[in-house]
Protein backbone atom coordinates (compact mmCIF):
# COMPACT_ATOMS: atom_id res chain seq x y z
CA GLY A 1 36.08 49.38 28.98
CA CYS A 2 39.24 51.25 29.77
CA ASP A 3 40.45 54.11 31.92
CA ARG A 4 43.92 55.40 32.70
CA ASP A 5 43.08 55.37 36.38
CA PRO A 6 39.90 53.31 36.92
CA VAL A 7 37.91 53.58 40.14
CA ASP A 8 36.74 50.30 41.67
CA ILE A 9 33.14 51.05 42.62
CA GLY A 10 32.92 47.62 44.22
CA THR A 11 34.77 49.09 47.19
CA PRO A 12 33.56 51.64 49.75
CA GLU A 13 36.60 53.77 48.91
CA GLY A 14 35.74 53.81 45.22
CA ARG A 15 32.10 54.72 45.84
CA LEU A 16 33.18 57.46 48.26
CA LEU A 17 35.64 58.88 45.72
CA LEU A 18 33.02 59.08 42.98
CA SER A 19 30.48 60.52 45.41
CA SER A 20 32.96 63.26 46.32
CA TYR A 21 32.66 64.65 42.78
CA VAL A 22 28.96 65.46 43.30
CA TRP A 23 27.96 68.79 44.82
CA VAL A 24 26.60 68.17 48.30
CA ASP A 25 23.21 69.75 47.51
CA ASP A 26 22.68 67.87 44.23
CA VAL A 27 20.24 65.28 45.56
CA PRO A 28 19.08 64.05 42.12
CA ARG A 29 22.65 63.32 41.04
CA PHE A 30 23.35 61.46 44.32
CA ALA A 31 20.23 59.37 43.65
CA ALA A 32 21.39 58.62 40.11
CA LEU A 33 24.84 57.66 41.38
CA ALA A 34 23.33 55.35 44.02
CA HIS A 35 21.27 53.71 41.27
CA ALA A 36 24.41 53.30 39.13
CA PHE A 37 26.21 51.65 42.06
CA GLU A 38 23.30 49.25 42.46
CA VAL A 39 23.27 48.36 38.75
CA ALA A 40 27.06 47.91 38.76
CA SER A 41 26.74 45.45 41.64
CA ARG A 42 24.48 43.28 39.46
CA VAL A 43 26.09 43.83 36.06
CA PRO A 44 29.86 43.49 36.30
CA ALA A 45 32.09 45.25 33.79
CA ASP A 46 35.74 44.61 33.12
CA ILE A 47 37.68 47.87 33.14
CA VAL A 48 41.34 47.73 32.20
CA ARG A 49 43.95 50.33 33.13
CA GLN A 50 44.82 51.51 29.64
CA ASP A 51 44.94 54.54 27.38
CA ALA A 52 41.90 54.84 25.09
CA VAL A 53 43.96 54.87 21.89
CA ALA A 54 45.78 51.64 22.76
CA PHE A 55 42.52 50.04 23.90
CA VAL A 56 40.67 50.86 20.66
CA GLU A 57 43.65 49.90 18.49
CA ALA A 58 43.49 46.40 20.02
CA LEU A 59 39.74 45.93 19.42
CA ARG A 60 38.51 43.56 16.75
CA PRO A 61 34.87 43.07 15.75
CA VAL A 62 33.50 39.68 16.86
CA PRO A 63 31.11 37.69 14.62
CA GLY A 64 27.59 37.53 16.04
CA THR A 65 28.00 40.79 17.98
CA THR A 66 28.10 44.52 17.53
CA THR A 67 31.20 46.17 18.96
CA LEU A 68 30.11 49.44 20.56
CA LEU A 69 32.61 52.23 21.17
CA TRP A 70 31.07 54.71 23.63
CA HIS A 71 32.37 57.83 25.32
CA SER A 72 30.83 60.78 27.08
CA ALA A 73 32.34 64.15 28.03
CA PHE A 74 35.75 62.73 27.17
CA TRP A 75 36.81 64.01 23.76
CA PHE A 76 37.53 67.58 24.84
CA TYR A 77 40.11 66.33 27.36
CA LEU A 78 42.25 64.99 24.50
CA ASP A 79 44.76 67.16 22.68
CA ALA A 80 44.66 67.38 18.87
CA ASP A 81 47.17 64.54 18.40
CA GLN A 82 45.27 62.21 20.76
CA ARG A 83 41.99 63.01 18.96
CA ARG A 84 43.57 62.28 15.59
CA ARG A 85 45.09 59.00 16.84
CA LEU A 86 41.81 57.89 18.45
CA ALA A 87 39.80 58.78 15.34
CA SER A 88 42.28 56.72 13.30
CA ALA A 89 41.94 53.78 15.73
CA ILE A 90 38.13 53.98 15.49
CA ALA A 91 38.40 54.02 11.69
CA GLY A 92 40.59 50.91 11.89
CA VAL A 93 38.02 49.00 13.94
CA ALA A 94 35.23 50.23 11.65
CA ALA A 95 37.11 49.06 8.55
CA ALA A 96 37.03 45.51 9.94
CA ALA A 97 33.21 45.51 10.29
CA THR A 98 31.20 42.85 8.47
CA PRO A 99 27.48 42.13 8.31
CA SER A 100 27.95 39.56 11.10
CA ALA A 101 30.45 41.65 13.11
CA GLN A 102 29.15 45.19 13.07
CA VAL A 103 30.70 48.26 14.71
CA ALA A 104 28.96 51.26 16.26
CA HIS A 105 30.42 54.43 17.75
CA ALA A 106 28.21 56.51 20.04
CA SER A 107 29.34 59.74 21.62
CA TRP A 108 27.78 62.28 23.98
CA GLU A 109 30.08 65.24 23.47
CA TRP A 110 30.22 68.92 22.63
CA PRO A 111 30.35 69.40 18.87
CA SER A 112 33.92 70.26 17.85
CA ASP A 113 33.06 73.82 16.86
CA HIS A 114 30.84 74.61 19.87
CA ARG A 115 32.78 73.79 23.05
CA SER A 116 31.00 76.11 25.44
CA VAL A 117 29.04 75.39 28.59
CA GLU A 118 26.13 77.29 27.04
CA ARG A 119 25.98 74.93 24.05
CA PRO A 120 24.31 71.51 24.21
CA PHE A 121 26.06 68.19 23.92
CA ALA A 122 25.21 66.01 20.91
CA LEU A 123 24.39 62.30 21.01
CA VAL A 124 25.75 61.01 17.71
CA LEU A 125 25.69 57.42 16.46
CA ARG A 126 27.89 56.08 13.68
CA ARG A 127 27.46 52.48 12.40
CA TRP A 128 29.45 50.23 10.10
CA ASP A 129 28.34 46.83 8.82
CA GLY A 130 30.87 46.19 6.06
CA ASP A 131 28.05 46.55 3.54
CA THR A 132 25.49 49.37 3.55
CA ARG A 133 26.41 51.35 6.67
CA HIS A 134 29.57 53.41 6.39
CA GLY A 135 29.73 55.45 9.59
CA GLU A 136 27.52 58.34 8.61
CA PRO A 137 26.97 60.46 11.74
CA VAL A 138 23.35 60.48 12.90
CA LEU A 139 22.31 63.06 15.47
CA LEU A 140 19.95 61.34 17.93
CA ALA A 141 19.59 64.03 20.58
CA ARG A 142 21.03 67.20 22.07
CA GLY A 143 21.07 68.02 25.75
CA ARG A 144 22.90 69.21 28.81
CA SER A 145 26.37 67.88 29.52
CA HIS A 146 25.46 65.48 32.32
CA GLY A 147 22.64 63.94 30.32
CA ASP A 148 19.99 65.00 32.82
CA ALA A 149 17.99 67.05 30.30
CA VAL A 150 17.37 66.23 26.66
CA LEU A 151 16.60 69.37 24.68
CA ASP A 152 15.48 67.64 21.52
CA ALA A 153 15.60 64.18 20.02
CA GLY A 154 15.15 62.65 16.62
CA SER A 155 17.22 61.01 13.92
CA GLN A 156 19.03 63.33 11.54
CA VAL A 157 21.87 62.29 9.24
CA LEU A 158 24.54 64.98 9.45
CA GLU A 159 26.65 66.27 6.54
CA HIS A 160 29.68 66.67 8.82
CA ASP A 161 30.64 64.74 11.92
CA PRO A 162 30.32 67.23 14.81
CA LEU A 163 32.89 65.34 16.85
CA LEU A 164 35.57 64.76 14.24
CA ASP A 165 35.33 67.88 12.03
């Protein structure tokens, strides 16, 4: 993974910093964060200090694996040029997909035409296999921004990509 300014949750300072973003009375979110810290202590992840566009541009699908691009509550922080560049980088990785080196892009974001706190986020999956899957957006669920409440779930192929349109 990548982040412009990653937080090392392996340190007390990193855990304290992330905990400071949670409202003091939000006990369920503190519990979820504590669980995430516990999982992270058992399942290490390499996070590089890098811009998302540069990170994705450097990705190459690996035979025998599926390369998963994932982001959540991130897209709306990008300006139009950054969105366009990142979408182009994702398309570049997807174009290199093969049946043995597939690519998937999952996002939990506000649809591009509905950025409002009253509107639900959409969990959308796009898959490429160099053969039969060509990145069609599939809506898997809609829910609240922090993922703590799913409003509905299913599997619906969308005519337009709610993230990229």
